[in-house]
Amino acid sequence: MKYHQIDSHLFIKNRKNFTAKMKPNSIAIFNSNDIYPISADSTMPFQQHRDIFYLSGVDQEESILLLFPDAPKEKYKEILFLRETNEHIAIWEGEKLTKERAYEVSGVKTVYWLKDLEKILFEIMTQCENIYINTNEHYRANVETETREDRFTKWIKEKYPAHTVAKSNPILQRLRSIKDPIEIDLIQTACNITEKGFRRLLKFVKPEIWEYNIEAELLHEFINHRSKGFAYTPIIASGNNANVLHYIENNKQCKPGDLILMDVAAEYANYASDLSRTIPVSGKYTKRQRAVYDAVLRVKNEATKMLVPGTIWADYHHEVGKIMTSELLQLGLLDKADIQNENPEWPAYKKYFMHGTSHHMGLDTHDYGILTEPMQANMVFTVEPGIYIPDEGFGIRLEDDVVVQENGEPFNLMANIPIEAEEIEALMNQ
């Protein structure tokens, strides 16, 4: 891995927090992701399942974590099952975790090779009553592929049908949404790498470059600082492309006078950052662009202040909608009649700001978190309002990542990344 080794105390603590929520006499099992094929002998780059990483720090394929806090044998309370490594694998694929190295990474003392799984699992299953399976219940999930986790769940339910099944996900949704200080430091590192990429761009962008040139500059900077690359598929949208919310082609030329909306950020150690900035191709905003830009920035600043413990996500978005409505009236994009005749289910402001303002962020860009429950300290949220005006050929989105604080205003992990229009213009024209 490119990143520095993470302190195993994080994963020890995460497992302790998880097992404290389990029913008595239960086991919980977590699988690595598959390596997904493309065609012939080609595969997609491996991405570890975030749940097993969160609980163990293990970042390789064909790995299984088993937790059995009430195990009669001490050595069975926590077990890692790994793909057996050997000299041939080391030569052809690179070094895999040895048993000793797995303990260093995870803090799990009992490590077996996968070939021993069924034998050891049979013994354990005679001693427990419940199985926690790991299903994907994220509110944005749309999974059509059968995962390694899915196949394992099907197998264990068929082999041990008399055991009661419970779900890991509700526990993980709550645990993962509140970040440990080590996790916040890792997200901060991802944000710092993102900052380096953005500052590089401000010196690079000029008329007639292509959107993919910008993407290449970012990737260069990210990888040079121990990131695997983008935390999510980058959006580099010049001109009217910015009005396509998930524009990812990044294949148009940047014309003089246009704006470039960039929703791009680095990952670090599997932790995401999430940044949006909108900059002028020619190094200066027009008067109209600047008016809209400043309106979006005011909405972002006011929205950020509301991310405090106890806030309900739905109420928060309702209040942000009121602030955005006021700004759109000032910009002449809405009038009083639009407000009076609006559909409460789709308020008038949604014509120009149709997405949400904030989402949880962490190991996943759209991270775990139960939106119907109050915000808590050490949750990390994006703040990303935007105004999109196809008739005027541009859209603006501004986004930072912030930590909810027990007392006081949220802490902005991206406070050092330029956002004020004057600073961006100054840096672009140095």
Foldseek 3Di string as FASTA:
>chain_A
DLFDAFQLVQLVVLQVLLVVPDDAQEKEKDFWWDFAADDDPHTDDGATDVVVCSNFVAGDHPKMWMAGCNDPDPLRRIEIEAADDDPVCCVPPNDHDDLVNSCRRHVRNHYHYPVCVVVVVVVSVVRGAEYAQEDDDPPPDDDDDQIPSNVVVVVVCVVCVRHHYDYSVVSCLVSVQFDDPSQVVQLLLQLVLQLVLQLVVLQVFAFFDFQVVSQVSSQVSQVVSSFPGWLDQKAWAKWQRVLVPPDRPRGGGHHAQIKIWIFTTTHHSLFTFTWIAIAGRHLAHDPLRQLQLVLQVVLLVVLQQQQAWFDQQVVSQVVSLVSLVVSCCVSVVDDPVQQVPADPVQHSSCVFWVDGFKAWGISHRRDRHDRRDTHDFRRKMKGKTKGRDSVVGHIGIGIWIWTHHNDDGTHTSNPVRDHDNVVSSVSSVD
